Amino acid sequence: MKKSTGNAIELMRIGLYVFFPVAIFYWFNHPDFFEKYVADERKRLFPDGDRPPTTLEGNKKLRLQLKEERLSRQSKISNK
């Protein structure tokens, strides 16, 4: 008599569907990940505890500054 593997496959699929999102949620909300990728980037964008701009002009200036930084990084990469 041949054993059915359908149940094992279904259990594996359910486990994957349940635990994969939980694992991803755990990994990306881990304090080390947050500190390394989010907090450091925020410190780079707003040094010395500066607050993000709240006016339209301040937002435009920041957006232009970030765009110039991005373009300079891209030009450095393309020149290599």
PDB file of N, CA and C in Angstrom:
ATOM      1  N   MET A   1       0.831  -1.165   0.000  1.00  0.00           N
ATOM      2  CA  MET A   1       0.000   0.000   0.000  1.00  0.00           C
ATOM      3  C   MET A   1       0.894   1.252   0.000  1.00  0.00           C
ATOM      4  N   LYS A   2       0.631   2.202  -0.882  1.00  0.00           N
ATOM      5  CA  LYS A   2       1.443   3.406  -1.028  1.00  0.00           C
ATOM      6  C   LYS A   2       0.913   4.504  -0.096  1.00  0.00           C
ATOM      7  N   LYS A   3       1.861   5.149   0.620  1.00  0.00           N
ATOM      8  CA  LYS A   3       1.455   6.231   1.516  1.00  0.00           C
ATOM      9  C   LYS A   3       1.212   7.502   0.706  1.00  0.00           C
ATOM     10  N   SER A   4       0.246   8.249   1.139  1.00  0.00           N
ATOM     11  CA  SER A   4      -0.068   9.510   0.478  1.00  0.00           C
ATOM     12  C   SER A   4       0.821  10.620   1.035  1.00  0.00           C
ATOM     13  N   THR A   5       1.468  11.351   0.148  1.00  0.00           N
ATOM     14  CA  THR A   5       2.317  12.461   0.591  1.00  0.00           C
ATOM     15  C   THR A   5       1.571  13.787   0.515  1.00  0.00           C
ATOM     16  N   GLY A   6       0.324  13.749   0.145  1.00  0.00           N
ATOM     17  CA  GLY A   6      -0.461  14.979   0.031  1.00  0.00           C
ATOM     18  C   GLY A   6      -0.562  15.731   1.338  1.00  0.00           C
ATOM     19  N   ASN A   7      -0.746  15.003   2.438  1.00  0.00           N
ATOM     20  CA  ASN A   7      -0.865  15.668   3.733  1.00  0.00           C
ATOM     21  C   ASN A   7       0.443  16.346   4.128  1.00  0.00           C
ATOM     22  N   ALA A   8       1.547  15.698   3.871  1.00  0.00           N
ATOM     23  CA  ALA A   8       2.846  16.283   4.218  1.00  0.00           C
ATOM     24  C   ALA A   8       3.094  17.559   3.410  1.00  0.00           C
ATOM     25  N   ILE A   9       2.730  17.528   2.147  1.00  0.00           N
ATOM     26  CA  ILE A   9       2.915  18.711   1.305  1.00  0.00           C
ATOM     27  C   ILE A   9       2.025  19.851   1.784  1.00  0.00           C
ATOM     28  N   GLU A  10       0.787  19.526   2.136  1.00  0.00           N
ATOM     29  CA  GLU A  10      -0.122  20.554   2.631  1.00  0.00           C
ATOM     30  C   GLU A  10       0.382  21.157   3.936  1.00  0.00           C
ATOM     31  N   LEU A  11       0.896  20.323   4.823  1.00  0.00           N
ATOM     32  CA  LEU A  11       1.442  20.839   6.073  1.00  0.00           C
ATOM     33  C   LEU A  11       2.650  21.737   5.816  1.00  0.00           C
ATOM     34  N   MET A  12       3.478  21.350   4.859  1.00  0.00           N
ATOM     35  CA  MET A  12       4.629  22.164   4.515  1.00  0.00           C
ATOM     36  C   MET A  12       4.176  23.514   3.946  1.00  0.00           C
ATOM     37  N   ARG A  13       3.182  23.501   3.077  1.00  0.00           N
ATOM     38  CA  ARG A  13       2.672  24.744   2.496  1.00  0.00           C
ATOM     39  C   ARG A  13       2.078  25.652   3.562  1.00  0.00           C
ATOM     40  N   ILE A  14       1.297  25.089   4.468  1.00  0.00           N
ATOM     41  CA  ILE A  14       0.694  25.886   5.535  1.00  0.00           C
ATOM     42  C   ILE A  14       1.790  26.477   6.416  1.00  0.00           C
ATOM     43  N   GLY A  15       2.782  25.663   6.744  1.00  0.00           N
ATOM     44  CA  GLY A  15       3.896  26.164   7.546  1.00  0.00           C
ATOM     45  C   GLY A  15       4.618  27.306   6.853  1.00  0.00           C
ATOM     46  N   LEU A  16       4.838  27.167   5.559  1.00  0.00           N
ATOM     47  CA  LEU A  16       5.499  28.219   4.793  1.00  0.00           C
ATOM     48  C   LEU A  16       4.646  29.479   4.757  1.00  0.00           C
ATOM     49  N   TYR A  17       3.357  29.332   4.514  1.00  0.00           N
ATOM     50  CA  TYR A  17       2.461  30.482   4.431  1.00  0.00           C
ATOM     51  C   TYR A  17       2.338  31.206   5.764  1.00  0.00           C
ATOM     52  N   VAL A  18       2.448  30.491   6.861  1.00  0.00           N
ATOM     53  CA  VAL A  18       2.302  31.104   8.179  1.00  0.00           C
ATOM     54  C   VAL A  18       3.635  31.641   8.683  1.00  0.00           C
ATOM     55  N   PHE A  19       4.680  30.843   8.621  1.00  0.00           N
ATOM     56  CA  PHE A  19       5.929  31.222   9.265  1.00  0.00           C
ATOM     57  C   PHE A  19       6.815  32.132   8.425  1.00  0.00           C
ATOM     58  N   PHE A  20       6.700  32.103   7.118  1.00  0.00           N
ATOM     59  CA  PHE A  20       7.511  32.994   6.292  1.00  0.00           C
ATOM     60  C   PHE A  20       7.197  34.465   6.577  1.00  0.00           C
ATOM     61  N   PRO A  21       5.926  34.896   6.552  1.00  0.00           N
ATOM     62  CA  PRO A  21       5.649  36.303   6.892  1.00  0.00           C
ATOM     63  C   PRO A  21       6.053  36.658   8.321  1.00  0.00           C
ATOM     64  N   VAL A  22       5.878  35.732   9.244  1.00  0.00           N
ATOM     65  CA  VAL A  22       6.269  35.998  10.630  1.00  0.00           C
ATOM     66  C   VAL A  22       7.783  36.180  10.712  1.00  0.00           C
ATOM     67  N   ALA A  23       8.533  35.342  10.013  1.00  0.00           N
ATOM     68  CA  ALA A  23       9.994  35.450  10.031  1.00  0.00           C
ATOM     69  C   ALA A  23      10.454  36.763   9.394  1.00  0.00           C
ATOM     70  N   ILE A  24       9.847  37.143   8.286  1.00  0.00           N
ATOM     71  CA  ILE A  24      10.198  38.405   7.632  1.00  0.00           C
ATOM     72  C   ILE A  24       9.873  39.581   8.551  1.00  0.00           C
ATOM     73  N   PHE A  25       8.704  39.535   9.170  1.00  0.00           N
ATOM     74  CA  PHE A  25       8.320  40.590  10.106  1.00  0.00           C
ATOM     75  C   PHE A  25       9.323  40.667  11.251  1.00  0.00           C
ATOM     76  N   TYR A  26       9.718  39.547  11.778  1.00  0.00           N
ATOM     77  CA  TYR A  26      10.681  39.528  12.882  1.00  0.00           C
ATOM     78  C   TYR A  26      12.024  40.107  12.435  1.00  0.00           C
ATOM     79  N   TRP A  27      12.496  39.686  11.260  1.00  0.00           N
ATOM     80  CA  TRP A  27      13.811  40.114  10.791  1.00  0.00           C
ATOM     81  C   TRP A  27      13.857  41.625  10.562  1.00  0.00           C
ATOM     82  N   PHE A  28      12.864  42.174   9.881  1.00  0.00           N
ATOM     83  CA  PHE A  28      12.901  43.588   9.540  1.00  0.00           C
ATOM     84  C   PHE A  28      12.514  44.492  10.701  1.00  0.00           C
ATOM     85  N   ASN A  29      11.929  43.954  11.747  1.00  0.00           N
ATOM     86  CA  ASN A  29      11.634  44.756  12.928  1.00  0.00           C
ATOM     87  C   ASN A  29      12.615  44.482  14.056  1.00  0.00           C
ATOM     88  N   HIS A  30      13.664  43.767  13.755  1.00  0.00           N
ATOM     89  CA  HIS A  30      14.688  43.473  14.747  1.00  0.00           C
ATOM     90  C   HIS A  30      15.436  44.767  15.075  1.00  0.00           C
ATOM     91  N   PRO A  31      15.720  45.035  16.335  1.00  0.00           N
ATOM     92  CA  PRO A  31      16.362  46.305  16.709  1.00  0.00           C
ATOM     93  C   PRO A  31      17.703  46.551  16.016  1.00  0.00           C
ATOM     94  N   ASP A  32      18.502  45.516  15.803  1.00  0.00           N
ATOM     95  CA  ASP A  32      19.793  45.708  15.133  1.00  0.00           C
ATOM     96  C   ASP A  32      19.597  46.170  13.695  1.00  0.00           C
ATOM     97  N   PHE A  33      18.647  45.555  12.996  1.00  0.00           N
ATOM     98  CA  PHE A  33      18.358  45.948  11.617  1.00  0.00           C
ATOM     99  C   PHE A  33      17.873  47.392  11.583  1.00  0.00           C
ATOM    100  N   PHE A  34      16.949  47.722  12.495  1.00  0.00           N
ATOM    101  CA  PHE A  34      16.410  49.082  12.538  1.00  0.00           C
ATOM    102  C   PHE A  34      17.517  50.091  12.803  1.00  0.00           C
ATOM    103  N   GLU A  35      18.377  49.786  13.758  1.00  0.00           N
ATOM    104  CA  GLU A  35      19.455  50.713  14.116  1.00  0.00           C
ATOM    105  C   GLU A  35      20.428  50.893  12.956  1.00  0.00           C
ATOM    106  N   LYS A  36      20.734  49.804  12.267  1.00  0.00           N
ATOM    107  CA  LYS A  36      21.732  49.860  11.199  1.00  0.00           C
ATOM    108  C   LYS A  36      21.211  50.589   9.964  1.00  0.00           C
ATOM    109  N   TYR A  37      19.993  50.275   9.532  1.00  0.00           N
ATOM    110  CA  TYR A  37      19.510  50.783   8.254  1.00  0.00           C
ATOM    111  C   TYR A  37      18.581  51.985   8.365  1.00  0.00           C
ATOM    112  N   VAL A  38      17.852  52.126   9.443  1.00  0.00           N
ATOM    113  CA  VAL A  38      16.883  53.212   9.540  1.00  0.00           C
ATOM    114  C   VAL A  38      17.436  54.374  10.353  1.00  0.00           C
ATOM    115  N   ALA A  39      17.892  54.098  11.547  1.00  0.00           N
ATOM    116  CA  ALA A  39      18.356  55.176  12.421  1.00  0.00           C
ATOM    117  C   ALA A  39      19.611  55.841  11.860  1.00  0.00           C
ATOM    118  N   ASP A  40      20.535  55.065  11.313  1.00  0.00           N
ATOM    119  CA  ASP A  40      21.753  55.658  10.750  1.00  0.00           C
ATOM    120  C   ASP A  40      21.433  56.534   9.543  1.00  0.00           C
ATOM    121  N   GLU A  41      20.501  56.102   8.720  1.00  0.00           N
ATOM    122  CA  GLU A  41      20.116  56.898   7.557  1.00  0.00           C
ATOM    123  C   GLU A  41      19.430  58.190   7.999  1.00  0.00           C
ATOM    124  N   ARG A  42      18.619  58.094   9.031  1.00  0.00           N
ATOM    125  CA  ARG A  42      17.963  59.302   9.550  1.00  0.00           C
ATOM    126  C   ARG A  42      19.010  60.275  10.101  1.00  0.00           C
ATOM    127  N   LYS A  43      20.024  59.746  10.785  1.00  0.00           N
ATOM    128  CA  LYS A  43      21.083  60.612  11.304  1.00  0.00           C
ATOM    129  C   LYS A  43      21.857  61.271  10.168  1.00  0.00           C
ATOM    130  N   ARG A  44      22.027  60.548   9.064  1.00  0.00           N
ATOM    131  CA  ARG A  44      22.733  61.119   7.917  1.00  0.00           C
ATOM    132  C   ARG A  44      21.909  62.226   7.267  1.00  0.00           C
ATOM    133  N   LEU A  45      20.604  62.010   7.150  1.00  0.00           N
ATOM    134  CA  LEU A  45      19.756  63.007   6.510  1.00  0.00           C
ATOM    135  C   LEU A  45      19.542  64.236   7.386  1.00  0.00           C
ATOM    136  N   PHE A  46      19.380  64.026   8.674  1.00  0.00           N
ATOM    137  CA  PHE A  46      19.088  65.121   9.593  1.00  0.00           C
ATOM    138  C   PHE A  46      20.111  65.121  10.730  1.00  0.00           C
ATOM    139  N   PRO A  47      21.328  65.619  10.474  1.00  0.00           N
ATOM    140  CA  PRO A  47      22.376  65.573  11.497  1.00  0.00           C
ATOM    141  C   PRO A  47      22.066  66.498  12.670  1.00  0.00           C
ATOM    142  N   ASP A  48      22.703  66.202  13.795  1.00  0.00           N
ATOM    143  CA  ASP A  48      22.608  67.016  15.008  1.00  0.00           C
ATOM    144  C   ASP A  48      21.181  67.183  15.503  1.00  0.00           C
ATOM    145  N   GLY A  49      20.362  66.212  15.292  1.00  0.00           N
ATOM    146  CA  GLY A  49      19.002  66.268  15.812  1.00  0.00           C
ATOM    147  C   GLY A  49      18.104  67.252  15.095  1.00  0.00           C
ATOM    148  N   ASP A  50      18.510  67.711  13.899  1.00  0.00           N
ATOM    149  CA  ASP A  50      17.650  68.620  13.146  1.00  0.00           C
ATOM    150  C   ASP A  50      16.339  67.929  12.833  1.00  0.00           C
ATOM    151  N   ARG A  51      15.304  68.702  12.855  1.00  0.00           N
ATOM    152  CA  ARG A  51      13.993  68.165  12.529  1.00  0.00           C
ATOM    153  C   ARG A  51      13.800  68.214  11.016  1.00  0.00           C
ATOM    154  N   PRO A  52      13.030  67.305  10.475  1.00  0.00           N
ATOM    155  CA  PRO A  52      12.718  67.378   9.049  1.00  0.00           C
ATOM    156  C   PRO A  52      11.982  68.682   8.746  1.00  0.00           C
ATOM    157  N   PRO A  53      12.151  69.197   7.541  1.00  0.00           N
ATOM    158  CA  PRO A  53      11.483  70.461   7.217  1.00  0.00           C
ATOM    159  C   PRO A  53       9.962  70.296   7.236  1.00  0.00           C
ATOM    160  N   THR A  54       9.295  71.343   7.672  1.00  0.00           N
ATOM    161  CA  THR A  54       7.833  71.293   7.749  1.00  0.00           C
ATOM    162  C   THR A  54       7.178  72.254   6.776  1.00  0.00           C
ATOM    163  N   THR A  55       7.971  73.114   6.132  1.00  0.00           N
ATOM    164  CA  THR A  55       7.407  74.054   5.175  1.00  0.00           C
ATOM    165  C   THR A  55       7.608  73.526   3.765  1.00  0.00           C
ATOM    166  N   LEU A  56       6.846  74.073   2.854  1.00  0.00           N
ATOM    167  CA  LEU A  56       6.952  73.661   1.459  1.00  0.00           C
ATOM    168  C   LEU A  56       8.327  74.003   0.898  1.00  0.00           C
ATOM    169  N   GLU A  57       8.824  75.182   1.218  1.00  0.00           N
ATOM    170  CA  GLU A  57      10.146  75.586   0.732  1.00  0.00           C
ATOM    171  C   GLU A  57      11.247  74.699   1.314  1.00  0.00           C
ATOM    172  N   GLY A  58      11.131  74.380   2.586  1.00  0.00           N
ATOM    173  CA  GLY A  58      12.116  73.498   3.215  1.00  0.00           C
ATOM    174  C   GLY A  58      12.126  72.123   2.580  1.00  0.00           C
ATOM    175  N   ASN A  59      10.934  71.612   2.264  1.00  0.00           N
ATOM    176  CA  ASN A  59      10.839  70.310   1.601  1.00  0.00           C
ATOM    177  C   ASN A  59      11.451  70.354   0.210  1.00  0.00           C
ATOM    178  N   LYS A  60      11.214  71.448  -0.514  1.00  0.00           N
ATOM    179  CA  LYS A  60      11.785  71.575  -1.860  1.00  0.00           C
ATOM    180  C   LYS A  60      13.310  71.613  -1.804  1.00  0.00           C
ATOM    181  N   LYS A  61      13.851  72.373  -0.838  1.00  0.00           N
ATOM    182  CA  LYS A  61      15.312  72.456  -0.700  1.00  0.00           C
ATOM    183  C   LYS A  61      15.914  71.096  -0.363  1.00  0.00           C
ATOM    184  N   LEU A  62      15.274  70.386   0.558  1.00  0.00           N
ATOM    185  CA  LEU A  62      15.779  69.066   0.934  1.00  0.00           C
ATOM    186  C   LEU A  62      15.698  68.098  -0.241  1.00  0.00           C
ATOM    187  N   ARG A  63      14.598  68.141  -0.988  1.00  0.00           N
ATOM    188  CA  ARG A  63      14.442  67.253  -2.135  1.00  0.00           C
ATOM    189  C   ARG A  63      15.510  67.540  -3.188  1.00  0.00           C
ATOM    190  N   LEU A  64      15.783  68.823  -3.447  1.00  0.00           N
ATOM    191  CA  LEU A  64      16.826  69.171  -4.413  1.00  0.00           C
ATOM    192  C   LEU A  64      18.205  68.726  -3.930  1.00  0.00           C
ATOM    193  N   GLN A  65      18.461  68.902  -2.645  1.00  0.00           N
ATOM    194  CA  GLN A  65      19.745  68.478  -2.077  1.00  0.00           C
ATOM    195  C   GLN A  65      19.927  66.971  -2.224  1.00  0.00           C
ATOM    196  N   LEU A  66      18.891  66.202  -1.904  1.00  0.00           N
ATOM    197  CA  LEU A  66      18.979  64.744  -2.020  1.00  0.00           C
ATOM    198  C   LEU A  66      19.123  64.316  -3.477  1.00  0.00           C
ATOM    199  N   LYS A  67      18.443  65.025  -4.380  1.00  0.00           N
ATOM    200  CA  LYS A  67      18.550  64.700  -5.803  1.00  0.00           C
ATOM    201  C   LYS A  67      19.976  64.948  -6.297  1.00  0.00           C
ATOM    202  N   GLU A  68      20.579  66.063  -5.876  1.00  0.00           N
ATOM    203  CA  GLU A  68      21.962  66.355  -6.269  1.00  0.00           C
ATOM    204  C   GLU A  68      22.925  65.306  -5.726  1.00  0.00           C
ATOM    205  N   GLU A  69      22.723  64.888  -4.482  1.00  0.00           N
ATOM    206  CA  GLU A  69      23.572  63.839  -3.908  1.00  0.00           C
ATOM    207  C   GLU A  69      23.434  62.536  -4.687  1.00  0.00           C
ATOM    208  N   ARG A  70      22.205  62.181  -5.038  1.00  0.00           N
ATOM    209  CA  ARG A  70      21.968  60.945  -5.778  1.00  0.00           C
ATOM    210  C   ARG A  70      22.618  61.011  -7.155  1.00  0.00           C
ATOM    211  N   LEU A  71      22.465  62.147  -7.838  1.00  0.00           N
ATOM    212  CA  LEU A  71      23.068  62.289  -9.163  1.00  0.00           C
ATOM    213  C   LEU A  71      24.591  62.255  -9.096  1.00  0.00           C
ATOM    214  N   SER A  72      25.170  62.854  -8.061  1.00  0.00           N
ATOM    215  CA  SER A  72      26.633  62.822  -7.945  1.00  0.00           C
ATOM    216  C   SER A  72      27.122  61.399  -7.679  1.00  0.00           C
ATOM    217  N   ARG A  73      26.378  60.638  -6.867  1.00  0.00           N
ATOM    218  CA  ARG A  73      26.758  59.236  -6.632  1.00  0.00           C
ATOM    219  C   ARG A  73      26.649  58.429  -7.917  1.00  0.00           C
ATOM    220  N   GLN A  74      25.584  58.675  -8.691  1.00  0.00           N
ATOM    221  CA  GLN A  74      25.408  57.940  -9.942  1.00  0.00           C
ATOM    222  C   GLN A  74      26.502  58.295 -10.942  1.00  0.00           C
ATOM    223  N   SER A  75      26.892  59.563 -10.986  1.00  0.00           N
ATOM    224  CA  SER A  75      27.948  59.953 -11.926  1.00  0.00           C
ATOM    225  C   SER A  75      29.291  59.352 -11.513  1.00  0.00           C
ATOM    226  N   LYS A  76      29.547  59.250 -10.206  1.00  0.00           N
ATOM    227  CA  LYS A  76      30.779  58.615  -9.744  1.00  0.00           C
ATOM    228  C   LYS A  76      30.803  57.146 -10.128  1.00  0.00           C
ATOM    229  N   ILE A  77      29.667  56.481 -10.019  1.00  0.00           N
ATOM    230  CA  ILE A  77      29.584  55.059 -10.366  1.00  0.00           C
ATOM    231  C   ILE A  77      29.766  54.873 -11.865  1.00  0.00           C
ATOM    232  N   SER A  78      29.139  55.738 -12.673  1.00  0.00           N
ATOM    233  CA  SER A  78      29.239  55.580 -14.121  1.00  0.00           C
ATOM    234  C   SER A  78      30.624  55.948 -14.643  1.00  0.00           C
ATOM    235  N   ASN A  79      31.370  56.765 -13.907  1.00  0.00           N
ATOM    236  CA  ASN A  79      32.719  57.145 -14.331  1.00  0.00           C
ATOM    237  C   ASN A  79      33.752  56.072 -14.035  1.00  0.00           C
ATOM    238  N   LYS A  80      33.422  55.129 -13.188  1.00  0.00           N
ATOM    239  CA  LYS A  80      34.387  54.078 -12.826  1.00  0.00           C
ATOM    240  C   LYS A  80      34.581  53.100 -13.926  1.00  0.00           C
TER     241      LYS A  80
END
